[in-house]
Amino acid sequence: MRLFPSPKANNKDAVIGAVGAALGMAITWLVSDALLDSVAPILALSMGATTVILFTMPTAPAAQPVPVILAHCMAAFFGVLSAQVFDNTALAVGVAVGVHAGIMTRFGYMHPPSGGTALTAVIGGDAVTDLGFEFIWRPVLLNAVLLVLLAVAINAPFKWRRYPAKT
């Protein structure tokens, strides 16, 4: 068993990934802050993990646009629905994340950070639960689309990092 089983990036890819992630997160924050009122959450916290995947592993299946956007939106839907149906937080969290994981796996739009979106929809507090199903597009869809567009733009100058990946 290797202690660090992930492939190591070269220095250039590590810097591009780090700078891309920093820019992606900062720009997503700024645009979301400008477009969303201060009552709504500006950023779904799971977008931090999405950013790492998009900018450090742009060719990975989980980094591709459809899985990123669809998984976060479906997770938000299952999270909001569970929060509204179940009065027990543990049950709502379990159902939201479990159902989302099963459906995401079955239909092949795998993006693991989206589990955090389902969780956030249940335990995100009044700022999230007050939005209800509006949480799906505000902030989740906005965040996911912005990050995908930024991944396209930031990776574009580097031929070996084409995003989205050609399949």
C-alpha atoms as a PDB file:
ATOM      1  CA  MET A   1       0.000   0.000   0.000  1.00  0.00           C
ATOM      2  CA  ARG A   2       1.389   3.377  -1.034  1.00  0.00           C
ATOM      3  CA  LEU A   3       1.063   6.224   1.424  1.00  0.00           C
ATOM      4  CA  PHE A   4       0.279   8.721  -1.360  1.00  0.00           C
ATOM      5  CA  PRO A   5      -1.461   6.712  -4.122  1.00  0.00           C
ATOM      6  CA  SER A   6      -2.573   9.664  -6.269  1.00  0.00           C
ATOM      7  CA  PRO A   7      -0.425  10.490  -9.280  1.00  0.00           C
ATOM      8  CA  LYS A   8       1.914  13.410  -8.680  1.00  0.00           C
ATOM      9  CA  ALA A   9       1.650  16.454 -10.912  1.00  0.00           C
ATOM     10  CA  ASN A  10       4.660  18.188 -12.340  1.00  0.00           C
ATOM     11  CA  ASN A  11       5.491  21.664 -11.022  1.00  0.00           C
ATOM     12  CA  LYS A  12       3.777  23.447 -13.918  1.00  0.00           C
ATOM     13  CA  ASP A  13       0.492  21.551 -13.501  1.00  0.00           C
ATOM     14  CA  ALA A  14       0.600  22.000  -9.728  1.00  0.00           C
ATOM     15  CA  VAL A  15       0.970  25.770 -10.098  1.00  0.00           C
ATOM     16  CA  ILE A  16      -1.722  25.997 -12.801  1.00  0.00           C
ATOM     17  CA  GLY A  17      -4.056  23.926 -10.613  1.00  0.00           C
ATOM     18  CA  ALA A  18      -3.389  26.031  -7.529  1.00  0.00           C
ATOM     19  CA  VAL A  19      -3.737  29.365  -9.303  1.00  0.00           C
ATOM     20  CA  GLY A  20      -6.804  28.133 -11.200  1.00  0.00           C
ATOM     21  CA  ALA A  21      -8.467  26.958  -7.989  1.00  0.00           C
ATOM     22  CA  ALA A  22      -7.704  30.257  -6.257  1.00  0.00           C
ATOM     23  CA  LEU A  23      -9.034  32.308  -9.162  1.00  0.00           C
ATOM     24  CA  GLY A  24     -12.035  30.034  -9.651  1.00  0.00           C
ATOM     25  CA  MET A  25     -13.090  30.268  -6.029  1.00  0.00           C
ATOM     26  CA  ALA A  26     -12.454  34.021  -5.715  1.00  0.00           C
ATOM     27  CA  ILE A  27     -14.271  34.898  -8.950  1.00  0.00           C
ATOM     28  CA  THR A  28     -17.200  32.620  -8.105  1.00  0.00           C
ATOM     29  CA  TRP A  29     -17.472  34.334  -4.730  1.00  0.00           C
ATOM     30  CA  LEU A  30     -17.352  37.829  -6.248  1.00  0.00           C
ATOM     31  CA  VAL A  31     -19.868  37.128  -9.023  1.00  0.00           C
ATOM     32  CA  SER A  32     -22.245  35.296  -6.677  1.00  0.00           C
ATOM     33  CA  ASP A  33     -21.937  38.112  -4.135  1.00  0.00           C
ATOM     34  CA  ALA A  34     -22.838  40.643  -6.825  1.00  0.00           C
ATOM     35  CA  LEU A  35     -25.795  38.636  -8.166  1.00  0.00           C
ATOM     36  CA  LEU A  36     -27.327  37.223  -4.986  1.00  0.00           C
ATOM     37  CA  ASP A  37     -28.883  39.256  -2.226  1.00  0.00           C
ATOM     38  CA  SER A  38     -27.220  39.124   1.161  1.00  0.00           C
ATOM     39  CA  VAL A  39     -30.026  37.035   2.651  1.00  0.00           C
ATOM     40  CA  ALA A  40     -29.211  34.035   0.454  1.00  0.00           C
ATOM     41  CA  PRO A  41     -26.028  32.029   0.870  1.00  0.00           C
ATOM     42  CA  ILE A  42     -23.471  33.201  -1.657  1.00  0.00           C
ATOM     43  CA  LEU A  43     -21.528  29.969  -1.983  1.00  0.00           C
ATOM     44  CA  ALA A  44     -22.379  26.327  -1.424  1.00  0.00           C
ATOM     45  CA  LEU A  45     -19.444  25.067   0.648  1.00  0.00           C
ATOM     46  CA  SER A  46     -19.128  21.890  -1.412  1.00  0.00           C
ATOM     47  CA  MET A  47     -17.963  24.081  -4.295  1.00  0.00           C
ATOM     48  CA  GLY A  48     -14.540  24.206  -2.634  1.00  0.00           C
ATOM     49  CA  ALA A  49     -14.064  20.503  -3.312  1.00  0.00           C
ATOM     50  CA  THR A  50     -15.479  20.919  -6.808  1.00  0.00           C
ATOM     51  CA  THR A  51     -12.927  23.646  -7.466  1.00  0.00           C
ATOM     52  CA  VAL A  52     -10.064  21.367  -6.458  1.00  0.00           C
ATOM     53  CA  ILE A  53     -11.271  18.682  -8.864  1.00  0.00           C
ATOM     54  CA  LEU A  54     -11.898  21.092 -11.763  1.00  0.00           C
ATOM     55  CA  PHE A  55      -8.514  22.755 -11.587  1.00  0.00           C
ATOM     56  CA  THR A  56      -6.233  19.925 -10.493  1.00  0.00           C
ATOM     57  CA  MET A  57      -7.840  17.063 -12.446  1.00  0.00           C
ATOM     58  CA  PRO A  58      -9.565  18.739 -15.413  1.00  0.00           C
ATOM     59  CA  THR A  59      -9.676  15.556 -17.506  1.00  0.00           C
ATOM     60  CA  ALA A  60     -11.197  13.367 -14.773  1.00  0.00           C
ATOM     61  CA  PRO A  61     -14.736  12.077 -15.442  1.00  0.00           C
ATOM     62  CA  ALA A  62     -15.956  13.735 -12.208  1.00  0.00           C
ATOM     63  CA  ALA A  63     -14.665  17.104 -13.442  1.00  0.00           C
ATOM     64  CA  GLN A  64     -16.690  17.209 -16.647  1.00  0.00           C
ATOM     65  CA  PRO A  65     -19.434  19.853 -16.997  1.00  0.00           C
ATOM     66  CA  VAL A  66     -22.523  17.619 -17.016  1.00  0.00           C
ATOM     67  CA  PRO A  67     -21.590  15.647 -13.877  1.00  0.00           C
ATOM     68  CA  VAL A  68     -20.555  18.818 -12.027  1.00  0.00           C
ATOM     69  CA  ILE A  69     -23.711  20.793 -12.778  1.00  0.00           C
ATOM     70  CA  LEU A  70     -26.214  17.925 -12.741  1.00  0.00           C
ATOM     71  CA  ALA A  71     -24.858  16.319  -9.562  1.00  0.00           C
ATOM     72  CA  HIS A  72     -24.906  19.555  -7.573  1.00  0.00           C
ATOM     73  CA  CYS A  73     -28.435  20.439  -8.729  1.00  0.00           C
ATOM     74  CA  MET A  74     -29.807  16.948  -8.061  1.00  0.00           C
ATOM     75  CA  ALA A  75     -28.101  16.910  -4.659  1.00  0.00           C
ATOM     76  CA  ALA A  76     -29.677  20.263  -3.804  1.00  0.00           C
ATOM     77  CA  PHE A  77     -33.080  18.912  -4.882  1.00  0.00           C
ATOM     78  CA  PHE A  78     -32.801  15.748  -2.765  1.00  0.00           C
ATOM     79  CA  GLY A  79     -31.476  17.752   0.171  1.00  0.00           C
ATOM     80  CA  VAL A  80     -34.274  20.315   0.092  1.00  0.00           C
ATOM     81  CA  LEU A  81     -36.908  17.614  -0.402  1.00  0.00           C
ATOM     82  CA  SER A  82     -35.554  15.562   2.515  1.00  0.00           C
ATOM     83  CA  ALA A  83     -35.388  18.619   4.764  1.00  0.00           C
ATOM     84  CA  GLN A  84     -39.036  19.365   3.987  1.00  0.00           C
ATOM     85  CA  VAL A  85     -40.311  15.789   4.302  1.00  0.00           C
ATOM     86  CA  PHE A  86     -38.434  14.559   7.378  1.00  0.00           C
ATOM     87  CA  ASP A  87     -38.576  16.292  10.732  1.00  0.00           C
ATOM     88  CA  ASN A  88     -35.568  14.328  11.990  1.00  0.00           C
ATOM     89  CA  THR A  89     -32.210  15.797  10.918  1.00  0.00           C
ATOM     90  CA  ALA A  90     -30.319  12.487  11.005  1.00  0.00           C
ATOM     91  CA  LEU A  91     -32.974  10.848   8.838  1.00  0.00           C
ATOM     92  CA  ALA A  92     -33.131  13.807   6.437  1.00  0.00           C
ATOM     93  CA  VAL A  93     -29.340  13.896   6.065  1.00  0.00           C
ATOM     94  CA  GLY A  94     -29.146  10.142   5.539  1.00  0.00           C
ATOM     95  CA  VAL A  95     -31.929  10.079   2.970  1.00  0.00           C
ATOM     96  CA  ALA A  96     -30.659  13.143   1.087  1.00  0.00           C
ATOM     97  CA  VAL A  97     -27.072  11.961   0.747  1.00  0.00           C
ATOM     98  CA  GLY A  98     -27.935   8.271   0.348  1.00  0.00           C
ATOM     99  CA  VAL A  99     -30.587   8.715  -2.333  1.00  0.00           C
ATOM    100  CA  HIS A 100     -28.397  11.192  -4.181  1.00  0.00           C
ATOM    101  CA  ALA A 101     -25.381   8.855  -4.045  1.00  0.00           C
ATOM    102  CA  GLY A 102     -27.428   5.924  -5.330  1.00  0.00           C
ATOM    103  CA  ILE A 103     -29.034   7.814  -8.195  1.00  0.00           C
ATOM    104  CA  MET A 104     -25.795   9.560  -9.154  1.00  0.00           C
ATOM    105  CA  THR A 105     -24.007   6.209  -9.247  1.00  0.00           C
ATOM    106  CA  ARG A 106     -26.795   4.428 -11.135  1.00  0.00           C
ATOM    107  CA  PHE A 107     -27.092   7.061 -13.842  1.00  0.00           C
ATOM    108  CA  GLY A 108     -23.373   7.807 -14.165  1.00  0.00           C
ATOM    109  CA  TYR A 109     -23.104  11.506 -13.423  1.00  0.00           C
ATOM    110  CA  MET A 110     -20.610  10.978 -10.591  1.00  0.00           C
ATOM    111  CA  HIS A 111     -19.310  14.085  -8.830  1.00  0.00           C
ATOM    112  CA  PRO A 112     -18.552  13.196  -5.176  1.00  0.00           C
ATOM    113  CA  PRO A 113     -18.405  16.775  -3.773  1.00  0.00           C
ATOM    114  CA  SER A 114     -22.121  17.085  -4.524  1.00  0.00           C
ATOM    115  CA  GLY A 115     -22.823  14.953  -1.451  1.00  0.00           C
ATOM    116  CA  GLY A 116     -21.867  18.057   0.512  1.00  0.00           C
ATOM    117  CA  THR A 117     -24.512  20.012  -1.377  1.00  0.00           C
ATOM    118  CA  ALA A 118     -27.211  17.545  -0.287  1.00  0.00           C
ATOM    119  CA  LEU A 119     -25.930  17.786   3.273  1.00  0.00           C
ATOM    120  CA  THR A 120     -25.897  21.594   3.157  1.00  0.00           C
ATOM    121  CA  ALA A 121     -29.506  21.694   1.983  1.00  0.00           C
ATOM    122  CA  VAL A 122     -30.512  19.871   5.166  1.00  0.00           C
ATOM    123  CA  ILE A 123     -28.213  21.392   7.802  1.00  0.00           C
ATOM    124  CA  GLY A 124     -27.360  24.768   6.239  1.00  0.00           C
ATOM    125  CA  GLY A 125     -29.495  26.717   8.681  1.00  0.00           C
ATOM    126  CA  ASP A 126     -32.282  29.206   8.109  1.00  0.00           C
ATOM    127  CA  ALA A 127     -30.485  30.991   5.261  1.00  0.00           C
ATOM    128  CA  VAL A 128     -30.637  27.738   3.271  1.00  0.00           C
ATOM    129  CA  THR A 129     -33.904  26.194   4.428  1.00  0.00           C
ATOM    130  CA  ASP A 130     -35.785  29.462   3.959  1.00  0.00           C
ATOM    131  CA  LEU A 131     -34.871  29.335   0.259  1.00  0.00           C
ATOM    132  CA  GLY A 132     -36.530  25.949  -0.188  1.00  0.00           C
ATOM    133  CA  PHE A 133     -36.194  24.727  -3.770  1.00  0.00           C
ATOM    134  CA  GLU A 134     -34.771  28.118  -4.751  1.00  0.00           C
ATOM    135  CA  PHE A 135     -31.518  26.807  -3.183  1.00  0.00           C
ATOM    136  CA  ILE A 136     -31.125  24.689  -6.325  1.00  0.00           C
ATOM    137  CA  TRP A 137     -30.471  27.646  -8.584  1.00  0.00           C
ATOM    138  CA  ARG A 138     -29.484  30.188  -5.967  1.00  0.00           C
ATOM    139  CA  PRO A 139     -26.622  29.571  -5.164  1.00  0.00           C
ATOM    140  CA  VAL A 140     -26.011  25.970  -6.339  1.00  0.00           C
ATOM    141  CA  LEU A 141     -26.650  26.232 -10.092  1.00  0.00           C
ATOM    142  CA  LEU A 142     -25.029  29.659 -10.281  1.00  0.00           C
ATOM    143  CA  ASN A 143     -21.904  28.432  -8.449  1.00  0.00           C
ATOM    144  CA  ALA A 144     -21.582  25.242 -10.514  1.00  0.00           C
ATOM    145  CA  VAL A 145     -22.038  26.980 -13.870  1.00  0.00           C
ATOM    146  CA  LEU A 146     -19.581  29.730 -12.954  1.00  0.00           C
ATOM    147  CA  LEU A 147     -16.948  27.201 -11.912  1.00  0.00           C
ATOM    148  CA  VAL A 148     -17.373  25.179 -15.112  1.00  0.00           C
ATOM    149  CA  LEU A 149     -17.082  28.330 -17.264  1.00  0.00           C
ATOM    150  CA  LEU A 150     -14.001  29.420 -15.328  1.00  0.00           C
ATOM    151  CA  ALA A 151     -12.463  25.958 -15.749  1.00  0.00           C
ATOM    152  CA  VAL A 152     -12.958  26.274 -19.517  1.00  0.00           C
ATOM    153  CA  ALA A 153     -11.372  29.747 -19.585  1.00  0.00           C
ATOM    154  CA  ILE A 154      -8.483  29.115 -17.202  1.00  0.00           C
ATOM    155  CA  ASN A 155      -7.464  25.776 -18.739  1.00  0.00           C
ATOM    156  CA  ALA A 156      -7.815  27.005 -22.355  1.00  0.00           C
ATOM    157  CA  PRO A 157      -4.280  28.391 -22.782  1.00  0.00           C
ATOM    158  CA  PHE A 158      -2.744  25.008 -21.941  1.00  0.00           C
ATOM    159  CA  LYS A 159      -3.140  22.448 -24.767  1.00  0.00           C
ATOM    160  CA  TRP A 160      -2.573  19.471 -22.484  1.00  0.00           C
ATOM    161  CA  ARG A 161      -5.269  20.665 -20.056  1.00  0.00           C
ATOM    162  CA  ARG A 162      -8.207  21.018 -22.442  1.00  0.00           C
ATOM    163  CA  TYR A 163     -11.447  21.320 -20.545  1.00  0.00           C
ATOM    164  CA  PRO A 164     -13.887  19.796 -21.007  1.00  0.00           C
ATOM    165  CA  ALA A 165     -12.032  16.649 -21.905  1.00  0.00           C
ATOM    166  CA  LYS A 166     -12.689  15.146 -25.315  1.00  0.00           C
ATOM    167  CA  THR A 167     -14.278  11.723 -24.948  1.00  0.00           C
END
